Structures are given as C-alpha cells and as structure tokens.
Amino acid sequence: MRIHIGCEMSFDFPQETPLIAMLNVHYSRASDLERPDFLISNPPVPIQSYRDSFGNWCNRFVAPPGRFTFGTDAVIRDPGTFEMGDLMAWQHEVRDLPADTLLFLLPSRFCESDLLASEAWRLFGNTPLGIPRVQAVCDFVHNHIVFNYGNARPTRTAAEAYREQSGVCRDYAHLAVTFCRALNIPTRYCTGYISDIGMPKPWASMDFCAWMEVYLGGRWHVFDPRNNAPRIGRILIASGRDAADVPLTHIFGPGTLAGFKVWTDEIVE
C-alpha cells in the first residue's frame, strides 16, 4: 500500500521567533519513503536539521514576523495490514534488561510512575506478566479516560489524567506509560500518524496521535490505549520519555496558531 502523508501548520508571529519542529518520519521508517519528507516553509527560511538524544529528526529555524507556514509532504509504502501482536513476548526481569531501556522505567515530566506505583500494583499486580499485563493496562486506561478535545491542556500529567478521567490521546498514552513503568516494563511515548484506512466511515478530521511502545521479549511492541485496537498505516514520527521530549513544535516566543492540517490517505492505484 502507498499512503500520502503530510501536514501543514500556520502561525502568526509578532516578531522573529525561533522554532524547533519535529514532523519528519522516524528513521526506522525512512527506507519506506518514496522521497525524503523535507520540511518546507513559506516564506522560505534557512533550516538546520539534527538528531536529538533519542534519535528523532528535528528542524530548527527562525520564523519571520507575520504569517508563517511550514510542513511536510511525502508518500510512504506500508504493508497495508492490521497490526499483529506477539502474544508470546515475555517480560524481562529488571536485571536482564538492556542498559538503553532502563531510562524508560523512570519517572518523567508527564509520567509520574513513582506517584502512581501503588495504584499500578493495586490494579494490575495480579494480572499475568508480559503482553496480558500491558493489555490489561490499556483496557483500563481506554475505559477510564473520556476523550474530550475541549478539555485538553498541554500541562496535564498522568496523575492528573487519572484523577480527572478526561483528556486526549496524549493523556491516554501518558497514563498507560506511567502504569507500565511502575510495573517494571520499559515503556516509551510515541507520536505520529494513525490513518483511518480500513475503519468504517465517516472519518473524523485527521490529527497527529500518541501511543506507546513497551519492551518485551527482546524488542519494542506497539500499544495504543486511546484506540485500543489494531490499525493500518501507523507511522512513527518520534519517541521519547513523554510528550515533553517529542513536541510537534517548540516555539521560543509568542505566536498564534492560524491553521493546522494533517493528511494520511491511501493512494488508490
């Protein structure tokens, strides 16, 4: 399957404003791109690209005053099948984990696994280890939080989402990540595209989405507590400890969002 993916963002800036944008497809899917998904801006400005400490591709630039638009556009090849889980993946003892996974056991800005540790063990301590335990976490979070765009806020933590029982996809992901880390399962926060390909219509307007990956059985596995079901065309952009590590844009100054579009559409041959 070939999928047309991309995004466009417009901001109104009162002055020159530095930005960091994290909108390019993750390096693990770069070989599936038919051409590089370069970041393009209007008006054009110099763009410097680099990899952050997690390996995500970042672009930094300075936006001029006034209306400024930037985004990506690409075609990516995808298997075109629903995601398949590995029910036999085992849970590692902490002492046996690879050193580079240990960071994803620790509390972070939005995932206070230390604060919710007792709740995690109360809720899930009797569930089977490995994939069944992670799925139990996702089932709980999926039913515990009510999706509500109008009640979204960028500062909500996992503990707050647990108390308030309301939020958007990042809140589902943060809470599930937090519970899994408290249960000694390395878990990282992910952001990217999730298409509606294969889902019944009508489809809602596209947006970027958040999910998580857990380290079990010697590799990372995708889990999506917001949708809690396999999807076609999930395309990773970035992963980190939580949303603070992988914001779509980080703006160093005042600015007003004037437009936002995301597309992920199957190309019918």
Protein backbone atom coordinates (compact mmCIF):
# COMPACT_ATOMS: atom_id res chain seq x y z
CA MET A 1 0.00 0.00 0.00
CA ARG A 2 1.10 3.58 -0.71
CA ILE A 3 -0.03 6.29 1.70
CA HIS A 4 0.09 10.04 1.11
CA ILE A 5 1.14 11.66 4.40
CA GLY A 6 1.95 15.18 5.48
CA CYS A 7 0.99 18.22 7.48
CA GLU A 8 0.80 22.00 7.26
CA MET A 9 0.93 24.48 10.14
CA SER A 10 0.49 28.25 10.03
CA PHE A 11 1.34 30.69 12.81
CA ASP A 12 1.09 34.45 13.22
CA PHE A 13 4.22 35.81 14.89
CA PRO A 14 4.59 39.39 16.20
CA GLN A 15 8.39 39.22 15.90
CA GLU A 16 11.22 36.96 14.73
CA THR A 17 10.72 33.71 16.63
CA PRO A 18 12.99 30.63 16.88
CA LEU A 19 11.28 27.24 16.49
CA ILE A 20 12.08 23.56 16.67
CA ALA A 21 9.79 21.29 14.61
CA MET A 22 9.65 17.51 14.92
CA LEU A 23 7.50 16.48 11.95
CA ASN A 24 9.61 14.11 9.85
CA VAL A 25 9.04 10.36 9.66
CA HIS A 26 11.16 8.39 12.14
CA TYR A 27 14.42 6.90 10.84
CA SER A 28 13.02 3.38 11.39
CA ARG A 29 10.56 4.05 8.54
CA ALA A 30 12.81 6.24 6.37
CA SER A 31 13.50 3.41 3.89
CA ASP A 32 9.74 3.19 3.22
CA LEU A 33 9.58 6.79 1.97
CA GLU A 34 9.47 7.20 -1.79
CA ARG A 35 11.30 10.51 -1.39
CA PRO A 36 12.62 12.49 1.59
CA ASP A 37 9.92 14.31 3.55
CA PHE A 38 11.80 17.60 3.72
CA LEU A 39 10.34 20.37 5.86
CA ILE A 40 9.27 23.26 3.59
CA SER A 41 8.39 26.77 4.79
CA ASN A 42 6.61 29.79 3.34
CA PRO A 43 8.26 32.24 3.25
CA PRO A 44 11.44 30.15 2.85
CA VAL A 45 13.95 30.39 5.70
CA PRO A 46 17.25 28.59 6.43
CA ILE A 47 16.60 25.29 8.25
CA GLN A 48 19.15 23.38 10.30
CA SER A 49 18.45 19.70 10.95
CA TYR A 50 19.82 17.45 13.68
CA ARG A 51 19.06 14.32 15.70
CA ASP A 52 18.06 14.64 19.33
CA SER A 53 19.27 12.32 22.10
CA PHE A 54 16.55 9.77 21.23
CA GLY A 55 17.46 9.69 17.52
CA ASN A 56 14.44 11.74 16.39
CA TRP A 57 14.92 14.08 13.42
CA CYS A 58 14.48 17.76 14.36
CA ASN A 59 14.48 21.01 12.38
CA ARG A 60 15.37 24.40 13.85
CA PHE A 61 14.76 27.74 12.18
CA VAL A 62 13.73 31.32 12.85
CA ALA A 63 10.28 32.41 11.68
CA PRO A 64 9.90 36.00 10.41
CA PRO A 65 7.17 38.32 11.75
CA GLY A 66 3.69 37.81 10.29
CA ARG A 67 2.03 34.72 8.83
CA PHE A 68 4.45 31.79 8.59
CA THR A 69 3.59 28.35 7.21
CA PHE A 70 5.61 25.14 7.25
CA GLY A 71 5.05 21.42 6.83
CA THR A 72 5.94 18.17 5.12
CA ASP A 73 4.51 16.09 2.28
CA ALA A 74 5.51 12.57 1.27
CA VAL A 75 4.43 9.15 0.05
CA ILE A 76 5.29 6.12 2.18
CA ARG A 77 4.99 2.41 1.48
CA ASP A 78 3.16 0.37 4.12
CA PRO A 79 2.27 -3.33 4.45
CA GLY A 80 -1.39 -2.32 4.39
CA THR A 81 -2.35 -4.90 7.02
CA PHE A 82 -3.69 -4.55 10.53
CA GLU A 83 -1.03 -4.65 13.23
CA MET A 84 -0.29 -8.06 14.71
CA GLY A 85 0.74 -8.51 18.33
CA ASP A 86 3.10 -11.15 19.72
CA LEU A 87 1.19 -12.88 22.49
CA MET A 88 4.25 -14.94 23.46
CA ALA A 89 6.56 -11.99 24.25
CA TRP A 90 7.87 -12.39 27.78
CA GLN A 91 8.52 -9.78 30.45
CA HIS A 92 12.19 -9.33 31.35
CA GLU A 93 13.49 -9.20 34.87
CA VAL A 94 14.87 -5.73 35.50
CA ARG A 95 18.36 -7.14 36.00
CA ASP A 96 18.22 -8.67 32.50
CA LEU A 97 17.09 -5.57 30.62
CA PRO A 98 19.44 -3.92 28.09
CA ALA A 99 21.01 -0.79 29.55
CA ASP A 100 19.44 1.50 26.92
CA THR A 101 15.92 0.53 28.06
CA LEU A 102 16.40 1.46 31.72
CA LEU A 103 15.66 5.15 31.07
CA PHE A 104 12.12 4.12 30.16
CA LEU A 105 11.50 2.68 33.62
CA LEU A 106 12.00 6.05 35.33
CA PRO A 107 9.50 8.81 36.15
CA SER A 108 9.44 11.76 33.74
CA ARG A 109 7.80 15.18 33.40
CA PHE A 110 4.32 13.89 32.48
CA CYS A 111 4.63 10.27 33.63
CA GLU A 112 4.91 10.20 37.43
CA SER A 113 5.36 6.45 37.81
CA ASP A 114 6.62 6.97 41.35
CA LEU A 115 3.39 8.71 42.39
CA LEU A 116 1.15 6.08 40.79
CA ALA A 117 3.21 2.99 41.68
CA SER A 118 0.93 1.82 44.48
CA GLU A 119 -2.15 2.24 42.28
CA ALA A 120 -0.47 0.36 39.44
CA TRP A 121 0.27 -2.62 41.65
CA ARG A 122 -3.19 -2.49 43.25
CA LEU A 123 -4.89 -2.52 39.84
CA PHE A 124 -2.61 -4.84 37.88
CA GLY A 125 -0.43 -6.73 40.36
CA ASN A 126 -2.43 -9.93 39.90
CA THR A 127 -2.51 -9.87 36.09
CA PRO A 128 -0.30 -12.26 34.08
CA LEU A 129 3.14 -10.91 33.19
CA GLY A 130 4.07 -9.63 29.76
CA ILE A 131 1.63 -8.87 26.95
CA PRO A 132 -1.52 -9.70 29.02
CA ARG A 133 -0.45 -7.24 31.74
CA VAL A 134 0.16 -4.44 29.23
CA GLN A 135 -3.17 -5.16 27.55
CA ALA A 136 -4.90 -5.02 30.95
CA VAL A 137 -3.35 -1.57 31.47
CA CYS A 138 -4.56 -0.41 28.04
CA ASP A 139 -8.07 -1.77 28.62
CA PHE A 140 -8.29 0.06 31.93
CA VAL A 141 -6.96 3.37 30.59
CA HIS A 142 -9.17 3.15 27.49
CA ASN A 143 -12.26 2.85 29.69
CA HIS A 144 -11.12 5.17 32.48
CA ILE A 145 -10.49 8.31 30.39
CA VAL A 146 -13.24 10.01 28.38
CA PHE A 147 -11.94 11.54 25.15
CA ASN A 148 -12.61 15.28 25.18
CA TYR A 149 -10.85 17.77 22.87
CA GLY A 150 -12.49 20.66 24.66
CA ASN A 151 -10.93 19.62 27.96
CA ALA A 152 -7.39 19.21 26.59
CA ARG A 153 -4.45 21.07 28.07
CA PRO A 154 -0.72 20.76 27.40
CA THR A 155 0.28 20.60 31.07
CA ARG A 156 -1.88 17.66 32.20
CA THR A 157 0.18 14.87 33.76
CA ALA A 158 -0.65 11.17 34.03
CA ALA A 159 -1.63 11.54 37.69
CA GLU A 160 -3.97 14.40 36.80
CA ALA A 161 -5.48 12.42 33.92
CA TYR A 162 -6.08 9.54 36.31
CA ARG A 163 -7.92 11.83 38.74
CA GLU A 164 -9.83 13.85 36.13
CA GLN A 165 -10.73 10.88 33.86
CA SER A 166 -10.73 13.17 30.82
CA GLY A 167 -8.30 14.05 28.06
CA VAL A 168 -6.98 13.38 24.58
CA CYS A 169 -4.69 10.73 23.08
CA ARG A 170 -1.56 12.06 24.82
CA ASP A 171 -3.31 11.67 28.19
CA TYR A 172 -4.24 8.05 27.42
CA ALA A 173 -0.65 7.37 26.42
CA HIS A 174 0.85 9.15 29.43
CA LEU A 175 -1.30 7.23 31.91
CA ALA A 176 -0.63 3.84 30.30
CA VAL A 177 3.10 4.60 30.05
CA THR A 178 3.13 5.53 33.73
CA PHE A 179 1.38 2.37 34.89
CA CYS A 180 3.65 0.15 32.79
CA ARG A 181 6.83 1.79 34.09
CA ALA A 182 5.57 1.39 37.65
CA LEU A 183 5.16 -2.33 36.84
CA ASN A 184 8.82 -2.54 35.72
CA ILE A 185 8.05 -2.66 31.99
CA PRO A 186 10.19 -0.25 29.91
CA THR A 187 7.75 1.99 28.05
CA ARG A 188 8.27 4.93 25.71
CA TYR A 189 5.87 7.57 24.46
CA CYS A 190 5.34 7.79 20.68
CA THR A 191 3.79 10.31 18.32
CA GLY A 192 2.98 10.11 14.62
CA TYR A 193 0.29 9.36 12.06
CA ILE A 194 -2.59 6.93 12.58
CA SER A 195 -4.74 6.53 9.49
CA ASP A 196 -8.42 5.60 9.32
CA ILE A 197 -7.73 3.18 6.47
CA GLY A 198 -9.82 0.06 6.99
CA MET A 199 -12.09 1.74 9.52
CA PRO A 200 -15.80 2.41 8.90
CA LYS A 201 -16.74 5.86 7.65
CA PRO A 202 -17.44 8.70 8.31
CA TRP A 203 -13.88 9.58 9.29
CA ALA A 204 -13.07 12.48 11.57
CA SER A 205 -10.60 15.18 10.53
CA MET A 206 -7.05 13.87 10.71
CA ASP A 207 -4.70 14.81 13.53
CA PHE A 208 -1.40 13.57 14.88
CA CYS A 209 -1.78 10.89 17.53
CA ALA A 210 0.05 9.47 20.53
CA TRP A 211 0.59 5.84 21.52
CA MET A 212 3.29 3.85 23.33
CA GLU A 213 5.83 1.08 22.86
CA VAL A 214 6.78 -1.47 25.52
CA TYR A 215 9.93 -3.56 25.66
CA LEU A 216 9.03 -7.25 25.95
CA GLY A 217 10.63 -10.37 24.55
CA GLY A 218 13.73 -8.57 23.33
CA ARG A 219 12.02 -5.91 21.22
CA TRP A 220 9.59 -2.97 21.29
CA HIS A 221 5.85 -3.59 20.80
CA VAL A 222 3.16 -1.04 19.87
CA PHE A 223 0.16 -0.48 22.15
CA ASP A 224 -2.48 2.20 21.65
CA PRO A 225 -4.61 2.83 24.76
CA ARG A 226 -6.64 5.55 23.04
CA ASN A 227 -7.93 3.39 20.16
CA ASN A 228 -7.16 0.04 21.85
CA ALA A 229 -7.37 -1.85 18.56
CA PRO A 230 -5.02 -2.75 15.67
CA ARG A 231 -4.77 -0.17 12.89
CA ILE A 232 -3.48 0.05 9.31
CA GLY A 233 -0.89 2.68 8.45
CA ARG A 234 0.53 3.67 11.83
CA ILE A 235 3.62 5.76 11.02
CA LEU A 236 6.03 6.80 13.75
CA ILE A 237 7.49 10.31 13.85
CA ALA A 238 9.24 10.38 17.22
CA SER A 239 9.54 8.62 20.56
CA GLY A 240 10.82 9.67 23.99
CA ARG A 241 10.04 9.59 27.68
CA ASP A 242 6.81 11.61 27.30
CA ALA A 243 5.31 14.50 25.29
CA ALA A 244 7.90 16.93 26.67
CA ASP A 245 10.57 15.09 24.65
CA VAL A 246 8.65 14.97 21.36
CA PRO A 247 6.55 18.13 20.85
CA LEU A 248 5.49 18.70 17.25
CA THR A 249 6.68 22.28 17.61
CA HIS A 250 8.60 24.08 20.31
CA ILE A 251 8.22 27.86 19.94
CA PHE A 252 10.58 30.23 21.74
CA GLY A 253 8.28 33.24 21.94
CA PRO A 254 4.68 34.37 21.41
CA GLY A 255 2.73 33.08 18.44
CA THR A 256 -0.86 32.25 17.45
CA LEU A 257 -1.79 29.07 15.61
CA ALA A 258 -3.65 30.16 12.46
CA GLY A 259 -4.00 26.85 10.60
CA PHE A 260 -3.38 23.14 11.10
CA LYS A 261 -3.87 20.26 8.65
CA VAL A 262 -2.78 16.62 8.68
CA TRP A 263 -3.34 14.06 5.94
CA THR A 264 -2.77 10.32 5.68
CA ASP A 265 -4.64 8.90 2.70
CA GLU A 266 -4.35 5.65 0.81
CA ILE A 267 -3.26 6.13 -2.79
CA VAL A 268 -5.54 4.03 -4.97
CA GLU A 269 -3.53 2.72 -7.93
